């Protein structure tokens, strides 16, 4: 298995991108339309935010799951016992956000969702007929108007050397959603598990856009598109003093979307959340349910 960046503007970009998803669970795009100056500014501003006490004014809302999540409530990946070494902020357009940072994050959310719909249409177009015909509706429409698509701003603080033995920045996991869209982080560390159980570094050149399959697309495609295991490893040496900022967008269908004969998006989400240590915090909002999602 080899991960290579696909030029978004190449004539065969869609075909190569979907082929990479099929055989690796990941696709990497270069020369894509998202502004990396915009992303760089978000990284800079949110890194500063995480290093202030202001973040504590936005403690996560138990009912809606938006806001700031300190490291004390970090996730425990399925099959692991140690909390990930991270803190993060959940952004939804309807949720809480520092006003000084809202416009910039909101603009990115809109642009990334627009690109994500195009990428889902690529997946639809280049799926075998027997797979595409099994989708209950076009993939790109599954996320239209979804209030569950989550933009997570992740902060992996510098390592101090006193971390709990066995804990890493993000333990091996799969994502729950359809696709995850991720600009390359400001520091490396993301790895994907290969077919021979080897760990491969995901190309992290700044400017790359990394997309991976989640469990819901695996379910909707009957396993044709694999939800691949990935993790974020701890830095070593001088890099231990560097913080890492990451910006995954988790694309979630509307709750009523039918994924398979077994599941709607809502029933599948509830089943997967039971595997997470924090699932007891997931509760009903008046019209939909939100929850925790694995991250990197």
Protein backbone atom coordinates (compact mmCIF):
# COMPACT_ATOMS: atom_id res chain seq x y z
CA UNK A 1 0.00 0.00 0.00
CA UNK A 2 1.32 3.42 -0.94
CA UNK A 3 -0.20 6.81 -0.26
CA UNK A 4 0.49 9.48 -2.85
CA UNK A 5 -0.97 12.95 -3.23
CA UNK A 6 -3.37 13.34 -6.18
CA UNK A 7 -3.44 16.65 -8.05
CA UNK A 8 -6.99 17.97 -7.62
CA UNK A 9 -6.82 19.65 -11.04
CA UNK A 10 -5.61 16.60 -12.99
CA UNK A 11 -8.04 15.19 -15.59
CA UNK A 12 -8.10 11.83 -13.80
CA UNK A 13 -8.12 13.26 -10.25
CA UNK A 14 -11.53 11.86 -9.31
CA UNK A 15 -10.67 8.36 -10.52
CA UNK A 16 -7.27 8.27 -8.79
CA UNK A 17 -8.71 9.72 -5.58
CA UNK A 18 -11.46 7.10 -5.35
CA UNK A 19 -9.01 4.34 -6.22
CA UNK A 20 -6.82 5.44 -3.32
CA UNK A 21 -9.81 5.43 -0.98
CA UNK A 22 -10.75 1.96 -2.14
CA UNK A 23 -7.34 0.39 -1.60
CA UNK A 24 -5.97 2.38 1.35
CA UNK A 25 -9.00 3.94 3.05
CA UNK A 26 -7.27 7.31 2.57
CA UNK A 27 -6.97 9.86 -0.20
CA UNK A 28 -4.52 12.78 -0.28
CA UNK A 29 -5.15 15.81 -2.49
CA UNK A 30 -2.82 18.64 -3.49
CA UNK A 31 -3.70 21.87 -5.31
CA UNK A 32 -7.21 21.67 -3.90
CA UNK A 33 -9.47 24.76 -3.65
CA UNK A 34 -9.34 25.26 0.12
CA UNK A 35 -7.21 28.26 1.09
CA UNK A 36 -4.18 27.17 3.09
CA UNK A 37 -3.63 30.77 4.19
CA UNK A 38 -7.05 30.48 5.80
CA UNK A 39 -6.09 27.18 7.43
CA UNK A 40 -2.77 28.57 8.62
CA UNK A 41 -4.54 31.51 10.25
CA UNK A 42 -6.96 29.14 12.01
CA UNK A 43 -4.05 27.09 13.33
CA UNK A 44 -2.30 30.21 14.61
CA UNK A 45 -5.35 31.75 16.25
CA UNK A 46 -6.61 28.56 17.86
CA UNK A 47 -3.18 27.60 19.15
CA UNK A 48 -3.17 30.96 20.93
CA UNK A 49 -6.71 30.32 22.22
CA UNK A 50 -5.77 26.96 23.72
CA UNK A 51 -2.91 28.64 25.58
CA UNK A 52 -5.23 31.06 27.41
CA UNK A 53 -7.67 30.66 30.26
CA UNK A 54 -10.41 31.99 27.97
CA UNK A 55 -11.01 28.44 26.76
CA UNK A 56 -12.50 27.60 30.15
CA UNK A 57 -15.33 30.06 29.46
CA UNK A 58 -16.56 27.70 26.73
CA UNK A 59 -16.74 24.43 28.66
CA UNK A 60 -18.61 21.81 26.65
CA UNK A 61 -22.37 21.66 26.96
CA UNK A 62 -23.45 18.21 28.11
CA UNK A 63 -26.76 18.52 26.25
CA UNK A 64 -25.37 19.63 22.89
CA UNK A 65 -21.72 18.53 22.99
CA UNK A 66 -20.37 21.80 21.59
CA UNK A 67 -17.57 23.84 23.08
CA UNK A 68 -14.27 23.14 24.79
CA UNK A 69 -13.31 19.65 25.99
CA UNK A 70 -10.32 19.62 28.36
CA UNK A 71 -7.84 16.76 28.45
CA UNK A 72 -9.50 15.38 31.57
CA UNK A 73 -12.49 14.24 29.48
CA UNK A 74 -10.51 13.13 26.43
CA UNK A 75 -11.62 10.05 24.50
CA UNK A 76 -10.51 6.48 25.06
CA UNK A 77 -10.35 4.70 21.71
CA UNK A 78 -12.12 1.35 21.36
CA UNK A 79 -9.90 -1.43 22.68
CA UNK A 80 -7.68 0.96 24.65
CA UNK A 81 -7.58 1.94 28.32
CA UNK A 82 -5.62 5.23 28.24
CA UNK A 83 -7.08 8.63 27.44
CA UNK A 84 -5.69 10.35 24.36
CA UNK A 85 -3.28 13.21 25.08
CA UNK A 86 -5.29 16.08 23.65
CA UNK A 87 -7.88 18.77 24.21
CA UNK A 88 -10.30 20.06 21.62
CA UNK A 89 -13.17 22.34 20.67
CA UNK A 90 -16.35 21.17 18.93
CA UNK A 91 -17.70 23.70 16.44
CA UNK A 92 -21.18 23.55 14.95
CA UNK A 93 -22.70 26.60 13.21
CA UNK A 94 -25.46 26.67 15.83
CA UNK A 95 -23.10 26.20 18.79
CA UNK A 96 -20.86 28.24 21.04
CA UNK A 97 -17.62 29.74 19.77
CA UNK A 98 -15.41 32.69 20.74
CA UNK A 99 -16.79 35.63 18.75
CA UNK A 100 -13.32 36.71 17.70
CA UNK A 101 -12.79 33.31 16.05
CA UNK A 102 -16.29 32.51 14.81
CA UNK A 103 -16.27 34.19 11.38
CA UNK A 104 -13.01 32.59 10.31
CA UNK A 105 -14.08 29.13 11.46
CA UNK A 106 -17.57 29.50 10.01
CA UNK A 107 -16.19 30.45 6.60
CA UNK A 108 -13.93 27.40 6.62
CA UNK A 109 -16.81 25.14 7.68
CA UNK A 110 -18.88 26.29 4.71
CA UNK A 111 -16.05 25.94 2.17
CA UNK A 112 -14.94 22.54 3.46
CA UNK A 113 -18.51 21.22 3.36
CA UNK A 114 -18.88 22.44 -0.23
CA UNK A 115 -15.71 20.61 -1.25
CA UNK A 116 -16.80 17.52 0.71
CA UNK A 117 -20.00 17.28 -1.30
CA UNK A 118 -17.94 17.28 -4.49
CA UNK A 119 -15.68 14.54 -3.12
CA UNK A 120 -18.69 12.43 -2.19
CA UNK A 121 -19.98 12.86 -5.75
CA UNK A 122 -16.60 11.58 -6.98
CA UNK A 123 -17.01 8.50 -4.81
CA UNK A 124 -20.51 7.98 -6.18
CA UNK A 125 -19.41 8.43 -9.79
CA UNK A 126 -16.46 6.05 -9.58
CA UNK A 127 -18.08 3.31 -7.54
CA UNK A 128 -18.96 0.08 -9.40
CA UNK A 129 -22.57 0.08 -10.57
CA UNK A 130 -23.58 -2.63 -8.11
CA UNK A 131 -22.16 -0.57 -5.21
CA UNK A 132 -23.54 2.82 -6.32
CA UNK A 133 -26.98 1.34 -6.91
CA UNK A 134 -27.02 0.19 -3.29
CA UNK A 135 -26.79 3.72 -1.88
CA UNK A 136 -30.21 4.80 -0.62
CA UNK A 137 -29.64 8.26 -2.12
CA UNK A 138 -26.74 10.11 -3.72
CA UNK A 139 -23.88 10.33 -1.22
CA UNK A 140 -23.55 14.10 -1.62
CA UNK A 141 -27.18 14.63 -0.58
CA UNK A 142 -26.78 12.58 2.59
CA UNK A 143 -24.99 15.49 4.27
CA UNK A 144 -27.12 18.32 2.85
CA UNK A 145 -28.60 20.27 5.74
CA UNK A 146 -27.05 17.94 8.32
CA UNK A 147 -26.68 19.59 11.72
CA UNK A 148 -24.40 16.79 12.89
CA UNK A 149 -21.40 17.47 10.66
CA UNK A 150 -18.72 18.45 13.14
CA UNK A 151 -15.63 20.62 12.81
CA UNK A 152 -13.23 19.76 15.58
CA UNK A 153 -10.24 21.94 16.44
CA UNK A 154 -7.69 19.69 18.11
CA UNK A 155 -4.81 20.78 20.29
CA UNK A 156 -2.11 18.27 21.16
CA UNK A 157 0.01 20.07 23.78
CA UNK A 158 3.79 19.81 23.96
CA UNK A 159 4.95 16.63 25.67
CA UNK A 160 6.35 17.08 29.18
CA UNK A 161 7.81 13.62 29.68
CA UNK A 162 5.48 12.78 32.54
CA UNK A 163 2.63 11.43 30.40
CA UNK A 164 0.88 8.28 31.53
CA UNK A 165 2.73 5.20 30.23
CA UNK A 166 1.06 3.83 27.12
CA UNK A 167 -0.87 7.01 26.36
CA UNK A 168 -0.45 8.60 22.93
CA UNK A 169 -1.88 11.63 21.19
CA UNK A 170 -4.59 9.59 19.43
CA UNK A 171 -4.74 5.83 19.86
CA UNK A 172 -5.50 3.58 16.89
CA UNK A 173 -9.12 3.95 15.81
CA UNK A 174 -11.55 4.23 12.93
CA UNK A 175 -13.87 7.19 12.37
CA UNK A 176 -17.64 6.82 12.66
CA UNK A 177 -18.82 9.15 9.88
CA UNK A 178 -18.98 9.02 6.05
CA UNK A 179 -15.77 10.87 5.20
CA UNK A 180 -13.33 12.94 7.25
CA UNK A 181 -11.71 15.95 5.58
CA UNK A 182 -8.45 17.11 7.14
CA UNK A 183 -5.92 19.74 6.10
CA UNK A 184 -2.41 18.58 6.89
CA UNK A 185 -1.65 19.46 10.51
CA UNK A 186 1.08 21.88 11.51
CA UNK A 187 3.18 18.94 12.74
CA UNK A 188 3.49 15.31 11.53
CA UNK A 189 2.34 12.23 13.42
CA UNK A 190 -0.64 10.81 11.50
CA UNK A 191 -0.21 7.16 10.51
CA UNK A 192 -2.43 4.62 8.73
CA UNK A 193 -2.36 0.88 9.31
CA UNK A 194 -1.43 -1.10 6.22
CA UNK A 195 -2.67 -4.47 5.03
CA UNK A 196 0.28 -6.26 6.63
CA UNK A 197 -0.30 -4.48 9.96
CA UNK A 198 2.53 -2.06 9.29
CA UNK A 199 2.11 1.62 10.16
CA UNK A 200 2.64 4.07 7.31
CA UNK A 201 3.15 7.81 7.62
CA UNK A 202 0.43 9.84 5.88
CA UNK A 203 1.95 12.53 3.62
CA UNK A 204 1.77 15.64 5.77
CA UNK A 205 3.24 18.36 3.55
CA UNK A 206 1.44 21.58 4.43
CA UNK A 207 -1.01 22.18 1.63
CA UNK A 208 -2.13 18.57 1.38
CA UNK A 209 -5.72 17.68 2.15
CA UNK A 210 -6.21 14.27 3.73
CA UNK A 211 -9.50 12.42 3.39
CA UNK A 212 -10.37 9.11 4.96
CA UNK A 213 -13.32 6.76 4.95
CA UNK A 214 -15.46 6.41 8.05
CA UNK A 215 -17.51 3.47 9.28
CA UNK A 216 -20.75 4.85 7.84
CA UNK A 217 -19.43 4.79 4.27
CA UNK A 218 -18.09 1.31 4.88
CA UNK A 219 -21.57 0.29 6.06
CA UNK A 220 -23.34 2.00 3.15
CA UNK A 221 -21.02 0.38 0.59
CA UNK A 222 -21.25 -3.10 2.08
CA UNK A 223 -17.56 -2.99 2.94
CA UNK A 224 -16.38 -2.01 -0.54
CA UNK A 225 -14.85 1.18 0.89
CA UNK A 226 -12.86 0.27 4.02
CA UNK A 227 -12.78 2.35 7.18
CA UNK A 228 -9.06 2.26 7.84
CA UNK A 229 -7.38 2.23 11.24
CA UNK A 230 -5.21 5.28 11.95
CA UNK A 231 -3.50 7.01 14.87
CA UNK A 232 -1.40 10.01 15.88
CA UNK A 233 1.89 9.04 17.47
CA UNK A 234 3.86 10.98 20.07
CA UNK A 235 6.74 13.14 18.85
CA UNK A 236 10.31 12.44 19.87
CA UNK A 237 13.39 14.48 20.66
CA UNK A 238 13.17 18.20 20.04
CA UNK A 239 9.72 17.80 18.49
CA UNK A 240 8.33 16.90 21.92
CA UNK A 241 8.27 20.62 22.74
CA UNK A 242 5.99 21.40 19.77
CA UNK A 243 2.22 21.60 19.98
CA UNK A 244 0.14 20.06 17.18
CA UNK A 245 -3.06 21.63 15.81
CA UNK A 246 -5.43 19.61 13.66
CA UNK A 247 -8.74 20.50 11.98
CA UNK A 248 -10.82 17.43 11.01
CA UNK A 249 -14.29 17.90 9.53
CA UNK A 250 -16.43 14.83 10.25
CA UNK A 251 -19.14 14.50 7.60
CA UNK A 252 -22.30 13.08 9.12
CA UNK A 253 -25.52 12.26 7.28
CA UNK A 254 -28.87 13.49 8.47
CA UNK A 255 -30.18 11.08 11.15
CA UNK A 256 -32.93 9.63 8.95
CA UNK A 257 -30.59 8.70 6.07
CA UNK A 258 -30.68 4.96 5.39
CA UNK A 259 -27.17 3.47 5.32
CA UNK A 260 -28.09 -0.19 4.90
CA UNK A 261 -30.81 -2.71 5.62
CA UNK A 262 -29.53 -2.78 9.18
CA UNK A 263 -29.05 0.89 9.95
CA UNK A 264 -30.06 4.49 9.55
CA UNK A 265 -27.37 7.05 10.28
CA UNK A 266 -28.94 7.61 13.71
CA UNK A 267 -29.08 3.96 14.73
CA UNK A 268 -25.53 3.37 13.51
CA UNK A 269 -24.21 6.38 15.40
CA UNK A 270 -25.83 5.19 18.61
CA UNK A 271 -24.38 1.71 18.20
CA UNK A 272 -20.85 2.99 17.64
CA UNK A 273 -21.02 5.52 20.46
CA UNK A 274 -21.58 2.68 22.90
CA UNK A 275 -17.99 1.66 22.15
CA UNK A 276 -16.63 4.99 23.35
CA UNK A 277 -15.84 5.65 26.97
CA UNK A 278 -17.65 9.00 26.86
CA UNK A 279 -20.91 7.77 25.35
CA UNK A 280 -22.78 8.32 28.60
CA UNK A 281 -22.52 12.03 27.91
CA UNK A 282 -24.47 11.78 24.65
CA UNK A 283 -28.01 13.05 25.07
CA UNK A 284 -30.92 14.24 22.98
CA UNK A 285 -31.13 17.72 21.55
CA UNK A 286 -34.66 18.69 20.51
CA UNK A 287 -34.31 17.66 16.86
CA UNK A 288 -31.15 15.60 16.57
CA UNK A 289 -28.40 13.85 18.45
CA UNK A 290 -24.77 14.79 18.61
CA UNK A 291 -21.87 12.96 20.11
CA UNK A 292 -18.20 12.15 20.22
CA UNK A 293 -16.22 11.20 17.17
CA UNK A 294 -12.73 9.80 16.92
CA UNK A 295 -10.14 12.27 15.87
CA UNK A 296 -6.67 13.04 14.65
